[in-house]
Amino acid sequence: MDDDGTRSADGKTPLSVQATFEDALAKLPDGYVDGYFGNRSWGVTVKRSEDGKRTWLYGEELSGTDIVCFNLYRLAGPGSILKPCEMSSAKVIEFVLGFEPSARRKPLRP
């Protein structure tokens, strides 16, 4: 973390974005859920360790080839570390913030 405390443990993500991301991730249910991101259908699986120190997410575009995959590790002290799987942190954050599980999806306007 930077000395001014404005960055997450990875030193790159502003804390406000990290907090918003972690809040959105916490709202996703454990297990598999269908949903939408960018008006495309996605299937997402979320697994959380029993001790709450690791969250894993794998998302797959159901009508295409795009994927999102990452681990989020909670540190012993304050903060966490996001470890994307061969993609940018920005892509992971954008996905989690924009993903809408089907149960909460609002109807599209004609």
C-alpha atoms as a PDB file:
ATOM      1  CA  MET A   1       0.000   0.000   0.000  1.00  0.00           C
ATOM      2  CA  ASP A   2       1.235   3.519  -0.698  1.00  0.00           C
ATOM      3  CA  ASP A   3       2.181   5.727   2.240  1.00  0.00           C
ATOM      4  CA  ASP A   4      -0.881   7.900   1.697  1.00  0.00           C
ATOM      5  CA  GLY A   5      -3.188   4.867   2.003  1.00  0.00           C
ATOM      6  CA  THR A   6      -5.001   5.585  -1.260  1.00  0.00           C
ATOM      7  CA  ARG A   7      -4.049   2.364  -3.038  1.00  0.00           C
ATOM      8  CA  SER A   8      -4.841  -1.299  -2.470  1.00  0.00           C
ATOM      9  CA  ALA A   9      -2.221  -3.885  -1.572  1.00  0.00           C
ATOM     10  CA  ASP A  10      -1.373  -4.357  -5.272  1.00  0.00           C
ATOM     11  CA  GLY A  11      -0.334  -0.700  -5.325  1.00  0.00           C
ATOM     12  CA  LYS A  12      -2.330  -0.042  -8.483  1.00  0.00           C
ATOM     13  CA  THR A  13      -6.050   0.008  -7.699  1.00  0.00           C
ATOM     14  CA  PRO A  14      -7.477   3.028  -5.845  1.00  0.00           C
ATOM     15  CA  LEU A  15      -9.006   1.950  -2.528  1.00  0.00           C
ATOM     16  CA  SER A  16     -12.449   3.347  -3.425  1.00  0.00           C
ATOM     17  CA  VAL A  17     -12.560   1.180  -6.573  1.00  0.00           C
ATOM     18  CA  GLN A  18     -11.234  -1.823  -4.620  1.00  0.00           C
ATOM     19  CA  ALA A  19     -13.922  -1.377  -1.952  1.00  0.00           C
ATOM     20  CA  THR A  20     -16.694  -1.052  -4.560  1.00  0.00           C
ATOM     21  CA  PHE A  21     -15.350  -4.137  -6.369  1.00  0.00           C
ATOM     22  CA  GLU A  22     -15.177  -6.196  -3.156  1.00  0.00           C
ATOM     23  CA  ASP A  23     -18.712  -5.121  -2.203  1.00  0.00           C
ATOM     24  CA  ALA A  24     -20.073  -6.204  -5.609  1.00  0.00           C
ATOM     25  CA  LEU A  25     -18.178  -9.509  -5.374  1.00  0.00           C
ATOM     26  CA  ALA A  26     -19.564 -10.160  -1.870  1.00  0.00           C
ATOM     27  CA  LYS A  27     -23.109  -9.837  -3.254  1.00  0.00           C
ATOM     28  CA  LEU A  28     -22.595 -12.659  -5.769  1.00  0.00           C
ATOM     29  CA  PRO A  29     -23.854 -16.016  -4.489  1.00  0.00           C
ATOM     30  CA  ASP A  30     -21.618 -19.032  -3.948  1.00  0.00           C
ATOM     31  CA  GLY A  31     -21.833 -21.606  -6.720  1.00  0.00           C
ATOM     32  CA  TYR A  32     -23.089 -21.149 -10.262  1.00  0.00           C
ATOM     33  CA  VAL A  33     -25.287 -18.321 -11.488  1.00  0.00           C
ATOM     34  CA  ASP A  34     -26.392 -17.221 -14.954  1.00  0.00           C
ATOM     35  CA  GLY A  35     -26.410 -13.537 -15.716  1.00  0.00           C
ATOM     36  CA  TYR A  36     -25.570 -10.768 -18.105  1.00  0.00           C
ATOM     37  CA  PHE A  37     -22.606  -8.538 -18.763  1.00  0.00           C
ATOM     38  CA  GLY A  38     -22.598  -6.093 -21.636  1.00  0.00           C
ATOM     39  CA  ASN A  39     -25.936  -7.461 -22.930  1.00  0.00           C
ATOM     40  CA  ARG A  40     -24.385 -10.920 -23.323  1.00  0.00           C
ATOM     41  CA  SER A  41     -25.243 -14.092 -21.406  1.00  0.00           C
ATOM     42  CA  TRP A  42     -22.629 -15.342 -18.952  1.00  0.00           C
ATOM     43  CA  GLY A  43     -22.276 -18.271 -16.603  1.00  0.00           C
ATOM     44  CA  VAL A  44     -20.353 -17.495 -13.413  1.00  0.00           C
ATOM     45  CA  THR A  45     -19.077 -19.753 -10.643  1.00  0.00           C
ATOM     46  CA  VAL A  46     -17.948 -18.304  -7.315  1.00  0.00           C
ATOM     47  CA  LYS A  47     -16.172 -20.334  -4.639  1.00  0.00           C
ATOM     48  CA  ARG A  48     -15.149 -19.012  -1.234  1.00  0.00           C
ATOM     49  CA  SER A  49     -12.747 -20.742   1.141  1.00  0.00           C
ATOM     50  CA  GLU A  50     -14.191 -21.820   4.485  1.00  0.00           C
ATOM     51  CA  ASP A  51     -11.952 -19.365   6.336  1.00  0.00           C
ATOM     52  CA  GLY A  52     -13.066 -16.495   4.044  1.00  0.00           C
ATOM     53  CA  LYS A  53      -9.509 -15.674   3.002  1.00  0.00           C
ATOM     54  CA  ARG A  54      -9.859 -16.607  -0.678  1.00  0.00           C
ATOM     55  CA  THR A  55     -12.561 -15.987  -3.264  1.00  0.00           C
ATOM     56  CA  TRP A  56     -12.307 -17.558  -6.721  1.00  0.00           C
ATOM     57  CA  LEU A  57     -14.464 -16.539  -9.681  1.00  0.00           C
ATOM     58  CA  TYR A  58     -14.669 -18.064 -13.146  1.00  0.00           C
ATOM     59  CA  GLY A  59     -17.009 -16.528 -15.695  1.00  0.00           C
ATOM     60  CA  GLU A  60     -17.635 -17.665 -19.245  1.00  0.00           C
ATOM     61  CA  GLU A  61     -19.538 -15.922 -22.007  1.00  0.00           C
ATOM     62  CA  LEU A  62     -22.221 -18.460 -22.959  1.00  0.00           C
ATOM     63  CA  SER A  63     -22.562 -17.385 -26.587  1.00  0.00           C
ATOM     64  CA  GLY A  64     -18.913 -16.559 -27.226  1.00  0.00           C
ATOM     65  CA  THR A  65     -15.338 -17.182 -26.179  1.00  0.00           C
ATOM     66  CA  ASP A  66     -14.643 -14.533 -23.538  1.00  0.00           C
ATOM     67  CA  ILE A  67     -13.770 -15.527 -19.971  1.00  0.00           C
ATOM     68  CA  VAL A  68     -13.007 -13.843 -16.658  1.00  0.00           C
ATOM     69  CA  CYS A  69     -11.068 -15.636 -13.933  1.00  0.00           C
ATOM     70  CA  PHE A  70      -9.371 -14.487 -10.730  1.00  0.00           C
ATOM     71  CA  ASN A  71      -8.553 -15.143  -7.096  1.00  0.00           C
ATOM     72  CA  LEU A  72      -8.966 -12.524  -4.378  1.00  0.00           C
ATOM     73  CA  TYR A  73      -6.878 -13.085  -1.257  1.00  0.00           C
ATOM     74  CA  ARG A  74      -7.635 -11.333   2.035  1.00  0.00           C
ATOM     75  CA  LEU A  75      -4.469 -10.323   3.852  1.00  0.00           C
ATOM     76  CA  ALA A  76      -3.758 -10.897   7.550  1.00  0.00           C
ATOM     77  CA  GLY A  77      -3.737  -7.117   7.997  1.00  0.00           C
ATOM     78  CA  PRO A  78      -6.033  -4.679   6.231  1.00  0.00           C
ATOM     79  CA  GLY A  79      -6.598  -5.096   2.525  1.00  0.00           C
ATOM     80  CA  SER A  80      -6.573  -7.792  -0.105  1.00  0.00           C
ATOM     81  CA  ILE A  81      -4.717  -8.837  -3.230  1.00  0.00           C
ATOM     82  CA  LEU A  82      -6.438  -9.428  -6.576  1.00  0.00           C
ATOM     83  CA  LYS A  83      -4.755 -12.043  -8.771  1.00  0.00           C
ATOM     84  CA  PRO A  84      -6.335 -12.172 -12.248  1.00  0.00           C
ATOM     85  CA  CYS A  85      -5.694 -15.268 -14.357  1.00  0.00           C
ATOM     86  CA  GLU A  86      -3.883 -14.040 -17.501  1.00  0.00           C
ATOM     87  CA  MET A  87      -5.928 -10.855 -17.879  1.00  0.00           C
ATOM     88  CA  SER A  88      -5.841  -7.324 -16.521  1.00  0.00           C
ATOM     89  CA  SER A  89      -7.171  -6.304 -13.118  1.00  0.00           C
ATOM     90  CA  ALA A  90      -9.193  -3.641 -14.950  1.00  0.00           C
ATOM     91  CA  LYS A  91     -11.055  -6.314 -16.963  1.00  0.00           C
ATOM     92  CA  VAL A  92     -11.839  -8.278 -13.786  1.00  0.00           C
ATOM     93  CA  ILE A  93     -13.061  -5.200 -11.917  1.00  0.00           C
ATOM     94  CA  GLU A  94     -15.188  -4.016 -14.854  1.00  0.00           C
ATOM     95  CA  PHE A  95     -16.788  -7.453 -15.111  1.00  0.00           C
ATOM     96  CA  VAL A  96     -17.647  -7.812 -11.421  1.00  0.00           C
ATOM     97  CA  LEU A  97     -19.047  -4.267 -11.261  1.00  0.00           C
ATOM     98  CA  GLY A  98     -21.128  -4.768 -14.422  1.00  0.00           C
ATOM     99  CA  PHE A  99     -22.301  -8.377 -14.055  1.00  0.00           C
ATOM    100  CA  GLU A 100     -26.023  -8.760 -13.340  1.00  0.00           C
ATOM    101  CA  PRO A 101     -27.233 -12.159 -12.077  1.00  0.00           C
ATOM    102  CA  SER A 102     -30.435 -13.224 -13.867  1.00  0.00           C
ATOM    103  CA  ALA A 103     -32.598 -12.949 -10.758  1.00  0.00           C
ATOM    104  CA  ARG A 104     -31.830  -9.225 -10.536  1.00  0.00           C
ATOM    105  CA  ARG A 105     -31.840  -8.475 -14.248  1.00  0.00           C
ATOM    106  CA  LYS A 106     -34.014  -5.587 -15.328  1.00  0.00           C
ATOM    107  CA  PRO A 107     -35.989  -6.036 -18.561  1.00  0.00           C
ATOM    108  CA  LEU A 108     -34.385  -4.567 -21.660  1.00  0.00           C
ATOM    109  CA  ARG A 109     -36.208  -1.664 -23.222  1.00  0.00           C
ATOM    110  CA  PRO A 110     -37.594  -2.348 -26.723  1.00  0.00           C
END
